[in-house]
């Protein structure tokens, strides 16, 4: 009897223990994030997720100032620094994607700043708004030359179970290149989260970033 139990335990350890630990860890992370969002543990009103890139101090300060101005204008009341959050605790190689998915499903992310490869991956999941549906003609004109297009998510009920809808949608301008240093060497892409509840403020930030990138590029070429 003991040998049978020992063999069953050994079999479980060899084939199922690691998978079980991973599933439990992912479930715990999702539950933790949901509790924080639903319970109002975070008092911020505007969140930017920074994924796979690092903002320097000047870029971080510019982002904060721009978000505060955009949020104040959108809500008609002056925002303060506690109203905004820049969350860089993401890693697409570990549990960061699960965290992002949970936050997006709860409307807890407004902007995403990432590198171009990650941008295309996330666009394929349908995580961004098409800028053409958010910005007016004047805004799209301002962003001209900076927009980055990617294939989105294909929502098609005719696809079979074995087919994937990720990255099979039409290519749309989901983001813009951003640099506060006068060029595009930083390879930062900024996009509006598809589930944002702050579309007006997020669009305002995007336009400010486009304006900043073009103005600093012009100054750098003199």
C-alpha atoms as a PDB file:
ATOM      1  CA  UNK A   1       0.000   0.000   0.000  1.00  0.00           C
ATOM      2  CA  UNK A   2       2.773   2.407   0.947  1.00  0.00           C
ATOM      3  CA  UNK A   3       4.632   1.573  -2.275  1.00  0.00           C
ATOM      4  CA  UNK A   4       1.494   2.360  -4.280  1.00  0.00           C
ATOM      5  CA  UNK A   5       1.041   5.741  -2.569  1.00  0.00           C
ATOM      6  CA  UNK A   6       4.723   6.503  -3.009  1.00  0.00           C
ATOM      7  CA  UNK A   7       4.554   5.682  -6.726  1.00  0.00           C
ATOM      8  CA  UNK A   8       1.441   7.839  -7.182  1.00  0.00           C
ATOM      9  CA  UNK A   9       3.085  10.761  -5.399  1.00  0.00           C
ATOM     10  CA  UNK A  10       6.233  10.377  -7.482  1.00  0.00           C
ATOM     11  CA  UNK A  11       4.131  10.334 -10.645  1.00  0.00           C
ATOM     12  CA  UNK A  12       2.301  13.502  -9.548  1.00  0.00           C
ATOM     13  CA  UNK A  13       5.564  15.303  -8.793  1.00  0.00           C
ATOM     14  CA  UNK A  14       7.079  14.312 -12.128  1.00  0.00           C
ATOM     15  CA  UNK A  15       4.141  15.205 -14.342  1.00  0.00           C
ATOM     16  CA  UNK A  16       1.775  17.603 -12.586  1.00  0.00           C
ATOM     17  CA  UNK A  17       3.441  19.482  -9.738  1.00  0.00           C
ATOM     18  CA  UNK A  18       5.068  22.224 -11.859  1.00  0.00           C
ATOM     19  CA  UNK A  19       1.891  22.796 -13.882  1.00  0.00           C
ATOM     20  CA  UNK A  20      -0.170  22.948 -10.694  1.00  0.00           C
ATOM     21  CA  UNK A  21       2.172  25.501  -9.123  1.00  0.00           C
ATOM     22  CA  UNK A  22       2.064  27.667 -12.259  1.00  0.00           C
ATOM     23  CA  UNK A  23      -1.749  27.543 -12.422  1.00  0.00           C
ATOM     24  CA  UNK A  24      -2.101  28.385  -8.729  1.00  0.00           C
ATOM     25  CA  UNK A  25       0.383  31.260  -9.020  1.00  0.00           C
ATOM     26  CA  UNK A  26      -1.464  32.711 -12.018  1.00  0.00           C
ATOM     27  CA  UNK A  27      -4.809  32.362 -10.250  1.00  0.00           C
ATOM     28  CA  UNK A  28      -3.441  34.033  -7.122  1.00  0.00           C
ATOM     29  CA  UNK A  29      -2.053  36.928  -9.152  1.00  0.00           C
ATOM     30  CA  UNK A  30      -5.352  37.410 -10.978  1.00  0.00           C
ATOM     31  CA  UNK A  31      -7.316  37.298  -7.713  1.00  0.00           C
ATOM     32  CA  UNK A  32      -4.953  39.816  -6.109  1.00  0.00           C
ATOM     33  CA  UNK A  33      -5.298  42.272  -8.984  1.00  0.00           C
ATOM     34  CA  UNK A  34      -9.081  41.888  -9.166  1.00  0.00           C
ATOM     35  CA  UNK A  35      -9.412  42.526  -5.425  1.00  0.00           C
ATOM     36  CA  UNK A  36      -7.270  45.661  -5.696  1.00  0.00           C
ATOM     37  CA  UNK A  37      -9.239  47.003  -8.637  1.00  0.00           C
ATOM     38  CA  UNK A  38     -12.721  46.135  -7.411  1.00  0.00           C
ATOM     39  CA  UNK A  39     -12.136  47.223  -3.814  1.00  0.00           C
ATOM     40  CA  UNK A  40     -10.741  50.556  -4.900  1.00  0.00           C
ATOM     41  CA  UNK A  41      -7.403  49.847  -3.247  1.00  0.00           C
ATOM     42  CA  UNK A  42      -5.805  52.130  -5.803  1.00  0.00           C
ATOM     43  CA  UNK A  43      -7.139  55.677  -5.901  1.00  0.00           C
ATOM     44  CA  UNK A  44      -5.585  56.656  -9.232  1.00  0.00           C
ATOM     45  CA  UNK A  45      -7.782  57.850 -12.083  1.00  0.00           C
ATOM     46  CA  UNK A  46      -5.342  57.434 -14.984  1.00  0.00           C
ATOM     47  CA  UNK A  47      -2.857  54.607 -15.433  1.00  0.00           C
ATOM     48  CA  UNK A  48      -0.041  54.123 -17.936  1.00  0.00           C
ATOM     49  CA  UNK A  49       1.471  50.658 -18.258  1.00  0.00           C
ATOM     50  CA  UNK A  50       5.133  50.680 -19.282  1.00  0.00           C
ATOM     51  CA  UNK A  51       6.100  47.314 -20.731  1.00  0.00           C
ATOM     52  CA  UNK A  52       9.566  46.144 -21.770  1.00  0.00           C
ATOM     53  CA  UNK A  53      11.097  49.640 -21.906  1.00  0.00           C
ATOM     54  CA  UNK A  54      12.540  52.081 -19.408  1.00  0.00           C
ATOM     55  CA  UNK A  55      11.650  55.754 -19.315  1.00  0.00           C
ATOM     56  CA  UNK A  56      14.427  58.131 -18.319  1.00  0.00           C
ATOM     57  CA  UNK A  57      13.766  60.804 -15.696  1.00  0.00           C
ATOM     58  CA  UNK A  58      12.971  63.487 -18.291  1.00  0.00           C
ATOM     59  CA  UNK A  59      10.504  61.237 -20.104  1.00  0.00           C
ATOM     60  CA  UNK A  60       8.856  60.199 -16.831  1.00  0.00           C
ATOM     61  CA  UNK A  61       8.447  63.815 -15.772  1.00  0.00           C
ATOM     62  CA  UNK A  62       7.084  64.787 -19.179  1.00  0.00           C
ATOM     63  CA  UNK A  63       4.611  61.893 -19.052  1.00  0.00           C
ATOM     64  CA  UNK A  64       3.374  62.868 -15.579  1.00  0.00           C
ATOM     65  CA  UNK A  65       2.968  66.532 -16.488  1.00  0.00           C
ATOM     66  CA  UNK A  66       1.127  65.664 -19.699  1.00  0.00           C
ATOM     67  CA  UNK A  67      -1.194  63.194 -17.989  1.00  0.00           C
ATOM     68  CA  UNK A  68      -2.082  65.686 -15.245  1.00  0.00           C
ATOM     69  CA  UNK A  69      -2.882  68.397 -17.794  1.00  0.00           C
ATOM     70  CA  UNK A  70      -4.958  66.017 -19.951  1.00  0.00           C
ATOM     71  CA  UNK A  71      -6.860  64.573 -16.994  1.00  0.00           C
ATOM     72  CA  UNK A  72      -7.575  68.015 -15.537  1.00  0.00           C
ATOM     73  CA  UNK A  73      -8.917  69.236 -18.867  1.00  0.00           C
ATOM     74  CA  UNK A  74     -11.045  66.125 -19.423  1.00  0.00           C
ATOM     75  CA  UNK A  75     -12.670  66.074 -15.986  1.00  0.00           C
ATOM     76  CA  UNK A  76     -12.910  69.821 -15.512  1.00  0.00           C
ATOM     77  CA  UNK A  77     -11.194  69.633 -12.132  1.00  0.00           C
ATOM     78  CA  UNK A  78      -7.499  70.034 -11.465  1.00  0.00           C
ATOM     79  CA  UNK A  79      -5.868  66.638 -11.005  1.00  0.00           C
ATOM     80  CA  UNK A  80      -2.980  65.993  -8.639  1.00  0.00           C
ATOM     81  CA  UNK A  81      -0.126  63.500  -8.685  1.00  0.00           C
ATOM     82  CA  UNK A  82      -2.107  60.915  -6.687  1.00  0.00           C
ATOM     83  CA  UNK A  83      -4.595  60.709  -9.562  1.00  0.00           C
ATOM     84  CA  UNK A  84      -2.059  59.196 -11.963  1.00  0.00           C
ATOM     85  CA  UNK A  85      -0.048  55.998 -11.908  1.00  0.00           C
ATOM     86  CA  UNK A  86       2.822  54.782 -14.064  1.00  0.00           C
ATOM     87  CA  UNK A  87       3.087  51.015 -13.620  1.00  0.00           C
ATOM     88  CA  UNK A  88       6.231  49.394 -15.018  1.00  0.00           C
ATOM     89  CA  UNK A  89       5.829  46.103 -13.154  1.00  0.00           C
ATOM     90  CA  UNK A  90       5.160  44.017 -16.242  1.00  0.00           C
ATOM     91  CA  UNK A  91       7.066  41.270 -17.999  1.00  0.00           C
ATOM     92  CA  UNK A  92       5.629  39.533 -21.023  1.00  0.00           C
ATOM     93  CA  UNK A  93       8.001  36.635 -20.325  1.00  0.00           C
ATOM     94  CA  UNK A  94       6.376  35.806 -16.965  1.00  0.00           C
ATOM     95  CA  UNK A  95       3.101  36.797 -15.276  1.00  0.00           C
ATOM     96  CA  UNK A  96       3.041  40.311 -16.707  1.00  0.00           C
ATOM     97  CA  UNK A  97       0.653  39.401 -19.522  1.00  0.00           C
ATOM     98  CA  UNK A  98      -1.815  37.879 -17.055  1.00  0.00           C
ATOM     99  CA  UNK A  99      -1.635  41.020 -14.925  1.00  0.00           C
ATOM    100  CA  UNK A 100      -2.176  43.217 -17.981  1.00  0.00           C
ATOM    101  CA  UNK A 101      -5.146  41.142 -19.131  1.00  0.00           C
ATOM    102  CA  UNK A 102      -6.837  41.414 -15.739  1.00  0.00           C
ATOM    103  CA  UNK A 103      -6.226  45.163 -15.494  1.00  0.00           C
ATOM    104  CA  UNK A 104      -7.488  45.730 -19.048  1.00  0.00           C
ATOM    105  CA  UNK A 105     -10.629  43.706 -18.400  1.00  0.00           C
ATOM    106  CA  UNK A 106     -11.360  45.984 -15.448  1.00  0.00           C
ATOM    107  CA  UNK A 107     -10.680  49.213 -17.336  1.00  0.00           C
ATOM    108  CA  UNK A 108      -7.713  49.919 -15.084  1.00  0.00           C
ATOM    109  CA  UNK A 109      -5.225  50.844 -17.845  1.00  0.00           C
ATOM    110  CA  UNK A 110      -5.479  53.882 -20.113  1.00  0.00           C
ATOM    111  CA  UNK A 111      -2.173  54.097 -21.994  1.00  0.00           C
ATOM    112  CA  UNK A 112       0.487  51.547 -22.844  1.00  0.00           C
ATOM    113  CA  UNK A 113       4.102  52.433 -23.638  1.00  0.00           C
ATOM    114  CA  UNK A 114       6.225  49.624 -24.989  1.00  0.00           C
ATOM    115  CA  UNK A 115       8.750  48.608 -27.650  1.00  0.00           C
ATOM    116  CA  UNK A 116       7.706  47.979 -31.232  1.00  0.00           C
ATOM    117  CA  UNK A 117       7.798  44.166 -31.081  1.00  0.00           C
ATOM    118  CA  UNK A 118       5.673  44.037 -27.928  1.00  0.00           C
ATOM    119  CA  UNK A 119       3.348  46.644 -29.424  1.00  0.00           C
ATOM    120  CA  UNK A 120       2.656  44.410 -32.431  1.00  0.00           C
ATOM    121  CA  UNK A 121       2.095  41.408 -30.161  1.00  0.00           C
ATOM    122  CA  UNK A 122      -0.373  43.261 -27.930  1.00  0.00           C
ATOM    123  CA  UNK A 123      -2.122  44.827 -30.925  1.00  0.00           C
ATOM    124  CA  UNK A 124      -2.734  41.307 -32.200  1.00  0.00           C
ATOM    125  CA  UNK A 125      -4.596  40.521 -28.979  1.00  0.00           C
ATOM    126  CA  UNK A 126      -6.905  43.469 -29.581  1.00  0.00           C
ATOM    127  CA  UNK A 127      -5.629  45.488 -26.631  1.00  0.00           C
ATOM    128  CA  UNK A 128      -5.479  48.905 -28.368  1.00  0.00           C
ATOM    129  CA  UNK A 129      -7.884  51.428 -29.826  1.00  0.00           C
ATOM    130  CA  UNK A 130      -7.518  52.315 -33.493  1.00  0.00           C
ATOM    131  CA  UNK A 131      -6.313  55.931 -33.396  1.00  0.00           C
ATOM    132  CA  UNK A 132      -8.355  56.624 -36.505  1.00  0.00           C
ATOM    133  CA  UNK A 133     -11.512  56.059 -34.461  1.00  0.00           C
ATOM    134  CA  UNK A 134     -10.355  58.274 -31.576  1.00  0.00           C
ATOM    135  CA  UNK A 135      -8.601  61.245 -33.162  1.00  0.00           C
ATOM    136  CA  UNK A 136     -10.275  63.699 -35.521  1.00  0.00           C
ATOM    137  CA  UNK A 137      -8.781  64.728 -38.861  1.00  0.00           C
ATOM    138  CA  UNK A 138      -6.692  67.441 -37.238  1.00  0.00           C
ATOM    139  CA  UNK A 139      -5.350  64.991 -34.688  1.00  0.00           C
ATOM    140  CA  UNK A 140      -4.472  62.391 -37.301  1.00  0.00           C
ATOM    141  CA  UNK A 141      -2.731  65.107 -39.308  1.00  0.00           C
ATOM    142  CA  UNK A 142      -0.651  65.984 -36.252  1.00  0.00           C
ATOM    143  CA  UNK A 143       0.259  62.336 -35.748  1.00  0.00           C
ATOM    144  CA  UNK A 144       1.118  61.826 -39.421  1.00  0.00           C
ATOM    145  CA  UNK A 145       4.574  60.362 -39.858  1.00  0.00           C
ATOM    146  CA  UNK A 146       4.597  58.983 -36.318  1.00  0.00           C
ATOM    147  CA  UNK A 147       1.768  56.436 -36.411  1.00  0.00           C
ATOM    148  CA  UNK A 148       2.625  52.755 -36.150  1.00  0.00           C
ATOM    149  CA  UNK A 149       0.243  50.223 -37.692  1.00  0.00           C
ATOM    150  CA  UNK A 150      -0.155  46.585 -36.754  1.00  0.00           C
ATOM    151  CA  UNK A 151      -2.498  43.699 -37.458  1.00  0.00           C
ATOM    152  CA  UNK A 152      -5.249  43.596 -34.851  1.00  0.00           C
ATOM    153  CA  UNK A 153      -7.513  40.921 -33.455  1.00  0.00           C
ATOM    154  CA  UNK A 154      -9.874  39.194 -35.867  1.00  0.00           C
ATOM    155  CA  UNK A 155     -13.299  38.676 -34.305  1.00  0.00           C
ATOM    156  CA  UNK A 156     -14.801  36.050 -36.588  1.00  0.00           C
ATOM    157  CA  UNK A 157     -17.368  33.508 -35.400  1.00  0.00           C
ATOM    158  CA  UNK A 158     -16.722  31.420 -38.519  1.00  0.00           C
ATOM    159  CA  UNK A 159     -13.225  30.485 -37.435  1.00  0.00           C
ATOM    160  CA  UNK A 160     -12.803  26.940 -36.183  1.00  0.00           C
ATOM    161  CA  UNK A 161     -11.574  26.008 -32.718  1.00  0.00           C
ATOM    162  CA  UNK A 162      -8.112  25.231 -34.037  1.00  0.00           C
ATOM    163  CA  UNK A 163      -7.753  28.618 -35.740  1.00  0.00           C
ATOM    164  CA  UNK A 164      -6.294  31.650 -34.050  1.00  0.00           C
ATOM    165  CA  UNK A 165      -7.761  35.138 -34.275  1.00  0.00           C
ATOM    166  CA  UNK A 166      -4.692  36.816 -32.817  1.00  0.00           C
ATOM    167  CA  UNK A 167      -2.930  39.170 -35.205  1.00  0.00           C
ATOM    168  CA  UNK A 168      -5.237  38.234 -38.094  1.00  0.00           C
ATOM    169  CA  UNK A 169      -7.277  41.440 -38.171  1.00  0.00           C
ATOM    170  CA  UNK A 170      -6.721  44.383 -40.517  1.00  0.00           C
ATOM    171  CA  UNK A 171      -3.656  46.560 -40.023  1.00  0.00           C
ATOM    172  CA  UNK A 172      -4.617  49.825 -38.326  1.00  0.00           C
ATOM    173  CA  UNK A 173      -2.716  52.747 -36.740  1.00  0.00           C
ATOM    174  CA  UNK A 174      -2.870  51.680 -33.103  1.00  0.00           C
ATOM    175  CA  UNK A 175       0.066  53.709 -31.790  1.00  0.00           C
ATOM    176  CA  UNK A 176       2.612  56.453 -32.337  1.00  0.00           C
ATOM    177  CA  UNK A 177       6.376  56.623 -31.997  1.00  0.00           C
ATOM    178  CA  UNK A 178       7.452  58.863 -29.151  1.00  0.00           C
ATOM    179  CA  UNK A 179      10.715  60.514 -28.224  1.00  0.00           C
ATOM    180  CA  UNK A 180      11.304  63.499 -25.982  1.00  0.00           C
ATOM    181  CA  UNK A 181      14.918  63.699 -27.097  1.00  0.00           C
ATOM    182  CA  UNK A 182      14.402  64.850 -30.669  1.00  0.00           C
ATOM    183  CA  UNK A 183      14.434  61.535 -32.502  1.00  0.00           C
ATOM    184  CA  UNK A 184      12.999  58.047 -32.587  1.00  0.00           C
ATOM    185  CA  UNK A 185      16.093  56.242 -31.349  1.00  0.00           C
ATOM    186  CA  UNK A 186      14.323  55.282 -28.124  1.00  0.00           C
ATOM    187  CA  UNK A 187      11.909  53.089 -30.087  1.00  0.00           C
ATOM    188  CA  UNK A 188       8.996  53.851 -27.757  1.00  0.00           C
ATOM    189  CA  UNK A 189       5.475  53.194 -29.006  1.00  0.00           C
ATOM    190  CA  UNK A 190       2.471  54.682 -27.210  1.00  0.00           C
ATOM    191  CA  UNK A 191      -1.053  53.291 -27.618  1.00  0.00           C
ATOM    192  CA  UNK A 192      -4.464  53.785 -26.027  1.00  0.00           C
ATOM    193  CA  UNK A 193      -5.841  50.786 -24.143  1.00  0.00           C
ATOM    194  CA  UNK A 194      -8.997  49.428 -25.765  1.00  0.00           C
ATOM    195  CA  UNK A 195     -10.851  49.313 -22.437  1.00  0.00           C
ATOM    196  CA  UNK A 196      -9.910  52.779 -21.201  1.00  0.00           C
ATOM    197  CA  UNK A 197     -12.590  54.828 -19.497  1.00  0.00           C
ATOM    198  CA  UNK A 198     -10.549  57.990 -20.122  1.00  0.00           C
ATOM    199  CA  UNK A 199     -10.570  58.147 -23.913  1.00  0.00           C
ATOM    200  CA  UNK A 200     -10.537  61.941 -24.055  1.00  0.00           C
ATOM    201  CA  UNK A 201      -7.585  62.287 -21.677  1.00  0.00           C
ATOM    202  CA  UNK A 202      -5.687  59.421 -23.327  1.00  0.00           C
ATOM    203  CA  UNK A 203      -6.157  60.966 -26.783  1.00  0.00           C
ATOM    204  CA  UNK A 204      -4.939  64.292 -25.433  1.00  0.00           C
ATOM    205  CA  UNK A 205      -1.778  62.658 -24.099  1.00  0.00           C
ATOM    206  CA  UNK A 206      -1.170  60.953 -27.456  1.00  0.00           C
ATOM    207  CA  UNK A 207      -1.480  64.275 -29.295  1.00  0.00           C
ATOM    208  CA  UNK A 208       0.824  66.032 -26.832  1.00  0.00           C
ATOM    209  CA  UNK A 209       3.410  63.296 -27.324  1.00  0.00           C
ATOM    210  CA  UNK A 210       3.136  63.588 -31.098  1.00  0.00           C
ATOM    211  CA  UNK A 211       3.600  67.340 -30.863  1.00  0.00           C
ATOM    212  CA  UNK A 212       6.578  66.971 -28.510  1.00  0.00           C
ATOM    213  CA  UNK A 213       8.252  64.388 -30.746  1.00  0.00           C
ATOM    214  CA  UNK A 214       7.936  66.560 -33.852  1.00  0.00           C
ATOM    215  CA  UNK A 215       9.016  69.770 -32.136  1.00  0.00           C
ATOM    216  CA  UNK A 216      12.079  68.238 -30.518  1.00  0.00           C
ATOM    217  CA  UNK A 217      12.987  66.487 -33.769  1.00  0.00           C
ATOM    218  CA  UNK A 218      12.841  69.859 -35.527  1.00  0.00           C
ATOM    219  CA  UNK A 219      15.062  71.432 -32.888  1.00  0.00           C
ATOM    220  CA  UNK A 220      17.531  68.579 -33.114  1.00  0.00           C
ATOM    221  CA  UNK A 221      17.909  69.046 -36.869  1.00  0.00           C
ATOM    222  CA  UNK A 222      18.920  72.706 -36.575  1.00  0.00           C
END
